[in-house]
Amino acid sequence: MRLSELSKQSGVTTATIKYYLREGLLPPGERVSATQAEYDESHLRRLRLVRALIQVGRLPVATAREVLAHVDDESLGRTIRLGAALWSLSHGPEPDEDAPETAVARHEVDRLLDRLGWAFVQDLGSLDPVHRALVASMATLIRLGYPCDIEYLAEQARLMEQVAVHDLDMMESYPAGAEQVEMAVASVVLYEPLLLALRRLAQEEESARRYGL
């Protein structure tokens, strides 16, 4: 398809598509003349992901470019490729290393991961921005005096394991390579808010069942 058709099918203006091309967010089309190029379904798919990253995920262009570079890096194994792309996303505040609660929180996170048997992420430790975000959240609970029960958190984590299985099952339903990683990244940006909304709706429903109106 030509640029105008790509714009029509994607809902993205030609000016914006040209901007994405200049910024390296969208791979160039196949040149058919000095002034024209053709695009295909992979460009439509990539445009959806770019819009998800920038419009929904609110990522700066430079960060979106970093995520997409990892998505396209075929030299990496699947786990590292996916992890590198997801690590480039926003994960929340970093732990305050000067706060006394942080050391306690890090110990509690280690206990939790050990209880779960999540050896891979435990070995990564503070190299993983998601691990650091978990430590920061745990430290906040401790600082404010809220319960930080490992058994409760382990039960919640087991539910997240089931979600992760479904996530990867859905990812594997797509052709191997960049398309799978694209889907995994899009699911983080688009589905995490949806899952949070479902959790809150479930709490509302359970409250009504238990206590009435």
Protein backbone atom coordinates (compact mmCIF):
# COMPACT_ATOMS: atom_id res chain seq x y z
CA MET A 1 0.00 0.00 0.00
CA ARG A 2 1.08 3.59 -0.53
CA LEU A 3 1.50 6.11 2.27
CA SER A 4 -1.99 7.52 1.80
CA GLU A 5 -3.54 4.05 2.13
CA LEU A 6 -1.40 3.31 5.20
CA SER A 7 -2.71 6.53 6.71
CA LYS A 8 -6.31 5.64 5.88
CA GLN A 9 -6.11 2.11 7.29
CA SER A 10 -4.21 3.10 10.44
CA GLY A 11 -6.04 6.33 11.24
CA VAL A 12 -2.68 8.10 11.53
CA THR A 13 -2.12 11.21 9.47
CA THR A 14 0.49 11.12 6.74
CA ALA A 15 2.39 13.91 8.51
CA THR A 16 2.58 11.84 11.69
CA ILE A 17 3.65 8.73 9.77
CA LYS A 18 6.43 10.74 8.12
CA TYR A 19 7.48 11.96 11.58
CA TYR A 20 7.59 8.38 12.88
CA LEU A 21 9.69 7.39 9.86
CA ARG A 22 12.15 10.24 10.47
CA GLU A 23 12.43 9.34 14.16
CA GLY A 24 13.09 5.68 13.42
CA LEU A 25 9.89 4.46 15.08
CA LEU A 26 8.58 2.99 11.84
CA PRO A 27 10.77 1.04 9.39
CA PRO A 28 11.01 2.52 5.91
CA GLY A 29 8.80 1.16 3.18
CA GLU A 30 10.04 -0.54 0.03
CA ARG A 31 11.12 2.06 -2.48
CA VAL A 32 9.28 1.90 -5.81
CA SER A 33 10.58 5.23 -7.10
CA ALA A 34 12.70 8.15 -5.95
CA THR A 35 9.70 9.72 -4.22
CA GLN A 36 7.39 6.81 -3.39
CA ALA A 37 7.48 3.72 -1.19
CA GLU A 38 5.14 0.83 -0.49
CA TYR A 39 4.10 -0.41 2.95
CA ASP A 40 2.55 -3.63 4.20
CA GLU A 41 0.76 -5.20 7.17
CA SER A 42 3.91 -5.09 9.31
CA HIS A 43 3.82 -1.30 9.07
CA LEU A 44 0.19 -1.25 10.16
CA ARG A 45 1.05 -3.47 13.12
CA ARG A 46 4.02 -1.32 14.08
CA LEU A 47 1.92 1.84 13.85
CA ARG A 48 -0.55 0.36 16.35
CA LEU A 49 2.30 -0.34 18.75
CA VAL A 50 3.83 3.10 18.31
CA ARG A 51 0.47 4.72 19.04
CA ALA A 52 0.05 2.51 22.12
CA LEU A 53 3.49 3.47 23.43
CA ILE A 54 3.19 7.20 22.79
CA GLN A 55 -0.53 7.94 23.15
CA VAL A 56 -1.48 5.45 25.87
CA GLY A 57 1.83 4.71 27.56
CA ARG A 58 2.85 8.39 27.36
CA LEU A 59 6.40 7.41 26.46
CA PRO A 60 8.78 10.02 25.07
CA VAL A 61 9.82 9.38 21.50
CA ALA A 62 13.37 8.50 22.58
CA THR A 63 12.07 5.87 25.02
CA ALA A 64 9.67 4.44 22.43
CA ARG A 65 12.60 4.18 20.01
CA GLU A 66 14.60 2.27 22.63
CA VAL A 67 11.72 -0.15 23.24
CA LEU A 68 11.31 -0.78 19.51
CA ALA A 69 15.05 -1.32 19.06
CA HIS A 70 14.86 -4.20 21.54
CA VAL A 71 11.72 -5.54 19.84
CA ASP A 72 13.64 -5.74 16.55
CA ASP A 73 16.90 -7.12 17.98
CA GLU A 74 16.97 -10.67 16.62
CA SER A 75 20.41 -11.30 18.15
CA LEU A 76 18.81 -11.67 21.60
CA GLY A 77 17.13 -14.76 22.99
CA ARG A 78 13.37 -14.53 23.41
CA THR A 79 13.41 -13.96 27.18
CA ILE A 80 16.18 -11.35 27.06
CA ARG A 81 14.61 -9.68 24.02
CA LEU A 82 11.25 -9.42 25.71
CA GLY A 83 12.77 -8.39 29.03
CA ALA A 84 14.91 -5.68 27.45
CA ALA A 85 11.87 -4.21 25.69
CA LEU A 86 9.75 -4.27 28.84
CA TRP A 87 12.56 -2.85 30.99
CA SER A 88 12.55 0.23 28.76
CA LEU A 89 8.98 1.02 29.82
CA SER A 90 8.13 3.12 32.86
CA HIS A 91 8.02 1.14 36.12
CA GLY A 92 7.37 3.69 38.87
CA PRO A 93 9.64 5.27 41.47
CA GLU A 94 13.11 4.02 42.33
CA PRO A 95 13.90 2.91 45.90
CA ASP A 96 15.27 5.60 48.21
CA GLU A 97 18.55 4.02 49.23
CA ASP A 98 18.95 6.50 52.10
CA ALA A 99 15.66 5.47 53.72
CA PRO A 100 15.93 2.80 56.44
CA GLU A 101 12.74 1.14 55.17
CA THR A 102 14.42 0.28 51.86
CA ALA A 103 16.78 -2.28 53.36
CA VAL A 104 13.88 -3.90 55.21
CA ALA A 105 11.78 -3.88 52.04
CA ARG A 106 14.57 -5.47 50.00
CA HIS A 107 14.83 -8.27 52.56
CA GLU A 108 11.06 -8.79 52.44
CA VAL A 109 11.08 -8.89 48.64
CA ASP A 110 13.82 -11.51 48.76
CA ARG A 111 11.72 -13.56 51.19
CA LEU A 112 8.71 -13.26 48.92
CA LEU A 113 10.58 -14.30 45.77
CA ASP A 114 12.18 -17.17 47.64
CA ARG A 115 8.75 -18.31 48.83
CA LEU A 116 7.49 -18.18 45.26
CA GLY A 117 10.53 -19.94 43.83
CA TRP A 118 11.03 -17.19 41.27
CA ALA A 119 14.76 -17.84 40.94
CA PHE A 120 15.29 -16.00 37.64
CA VAL A 121 13.99 -12.63 38.82
CA GLN A 122 15.63 -13.15 42.21
CA ASP A 123 18.99 -13.61 40.51
CA LEU A 124 18.46 -10.45 38.47
CA GLY A 125 17.66 -8.52 41.64
CA SER A 126 18.25 -4.78 41.45
CA LEU A 127 19.33 -5.01 37.80
CA ASP A 128 15.62 -5.42 37.03
CA PRO A 129 13.71 -2.09 37.17
CA VAL A 130 10.52 -4.00 38.02
CA HIS A 131 12.29 -5.55 41.02
CA ARG A 132 13.40 -2.09 42.13
CA ALA A 133 9.84 -0.79 41.75
CA LEU A 134 8.60 -3.65 43.94
CA VAL A 135 11.17 -2.75 46.60
CA ALA A 136 10.09 0.90 46.44
CA SER A 137 6.41 -0.05 46.83
CA MET A 138 7.20 -2.38 49.73
CA ALA A 139 9.24 0.36 51.42
CA THR A 140 6.27 2.73 51.12
CA LEU A 141 3.99 0.22 52.85
CA ILE A 142 6.52 -0.20 55.66
CA ARG A 143 7.08 3.54 56.05
CA LEU A 144 3.36 4.28 56.29
CA GLY A 145 2.69 1.41 58.67
CA TYR A 146 0.50 -0.68 56.36
CA PRO A 147 0.49 -4.50 56.49
CA CYS A 148 3.18 -6.14 54.44
CA ASP A 149 2.24 -9.78 54.87
CA ILE A 150 4.34 -12.17 52.79
CA GLU A 151 1.64 -14.86 52.75
CA TYR A 152 -0.94 -12.43 51.37
CA LEU A 153 1.50 -11.13 48.75
CA ALA A 154 2.44 -14.68 47.77
CA GLU A 155 -1.24 -15.49 47.16
CA GLN A 156 -1.56 -12.41 44.96
CA ALA A 157 1.62 -13.32 43.10
CA ARG A 158 0.28 -16.82 42.38
CA LEU A 159 -2.71 -15.21 40.70
CA MET A 160 -0.30 -13.09 38.65
CA GLU A 161 1.49 -16.28 37.59
CA GLN A 162 -1.76 -17.46 36.02
CA VAL A 163 -2.11 -14.12 34.23
CA ALA A 164 1.47 -14.46 32.96
CA VAL A 165 0.70 -17.92 31.56
CA HIS A 166 -2.27 -16.53 29.65
CA ASP A 167 -0.17 -13.56 28.46
CA LEU A 168 2.54 -15.78 27.00
CA ASP A 169 -0.01 -18.19 25.55
CA MET A 170 -1.57 -15.24 23.71
CA MET A 171 1.88 -14.02 22.63
CA GLU A 172 2.73 -17.45 21.20
CA SER A 173 -0.42 -17.40 19.09
CA TYR A 174 1.36 -14.82 16.90
CA PRO A 175 4.16 -15.64 14.45
CA ALA A 176 7.59 -15.89 16.06
CA GLY A 177 9.97 -12.96 16.20
CA ALA A 178 9.21 -9.27 16.39
CA GLU A 179 5.45 -9.76 16.15
CA GLN A 180 5.42 -11.79 19.38
CA VAL A 181 7.50 -9.22 21.25
CA GLU A 182 5.35 -6.41 19.85
CA MET A 183 2.27 -8.15 21.24
CA ALA A 184 3.88 -8.64 24.63
CA VAL A 185 4.86 -4.96 24.88
CA ALA A 186 1.43 -3.82 23.71
CA SER A 187 -0.23 -6.05 26.31
CA VAL A 188 1.72 -4.34 29.10
CA VAL A 189 0.78 -0.85 27.90
CA LEU A 190 -2.84 -1.60 26.98
CA TYR A 191 -3.93 -4.48 29.19
CA GLU A 192 -2.45 -3.51 32.57
CA PRO A 193 -4.90 -0.57 32.93
CA LEU A 194 -7.70 -2.92 31.85
CA LEU A 195 -6.68 -5.53 34.44
CA LEU A 196 -6.53 -2.87 37.15
CA ALA A 197 -10.04 -1.75 36.20
CA LEU A 198 -11.28 -5.35 36.37
CA ARG A 199 -9.72 -5.78 39.82
CA ARG A 200 -11.50 -2.70 41.12
CA LEU A 201 -14.80 -3.77 39.57
CA ALA A 202 -14.38 -7.21 41.15
CA GLN A 203 -13.89 -5.54 44.55
CA GLU A 204 -17.07 -3.53 44.02
CA GLU A 205 -18.99 -6.66 43.06
CA GLU A 206 -17.66 -8.67 46.01
CA SER A 207 -18.49 -5.82 48.39
CA ALA A 208 -22.09 -5.74 47.13
CA ARG A 209 -22.36 -9.54 47.53
CA ARG A 210 -21.07 -9.44 51.09
CA TYR A 211 -22.57 -6.28 52.46
CA GLY A 212 -25.40 -5.25 50.14
CA LEU A 213 -25.85 -1.66 49.16
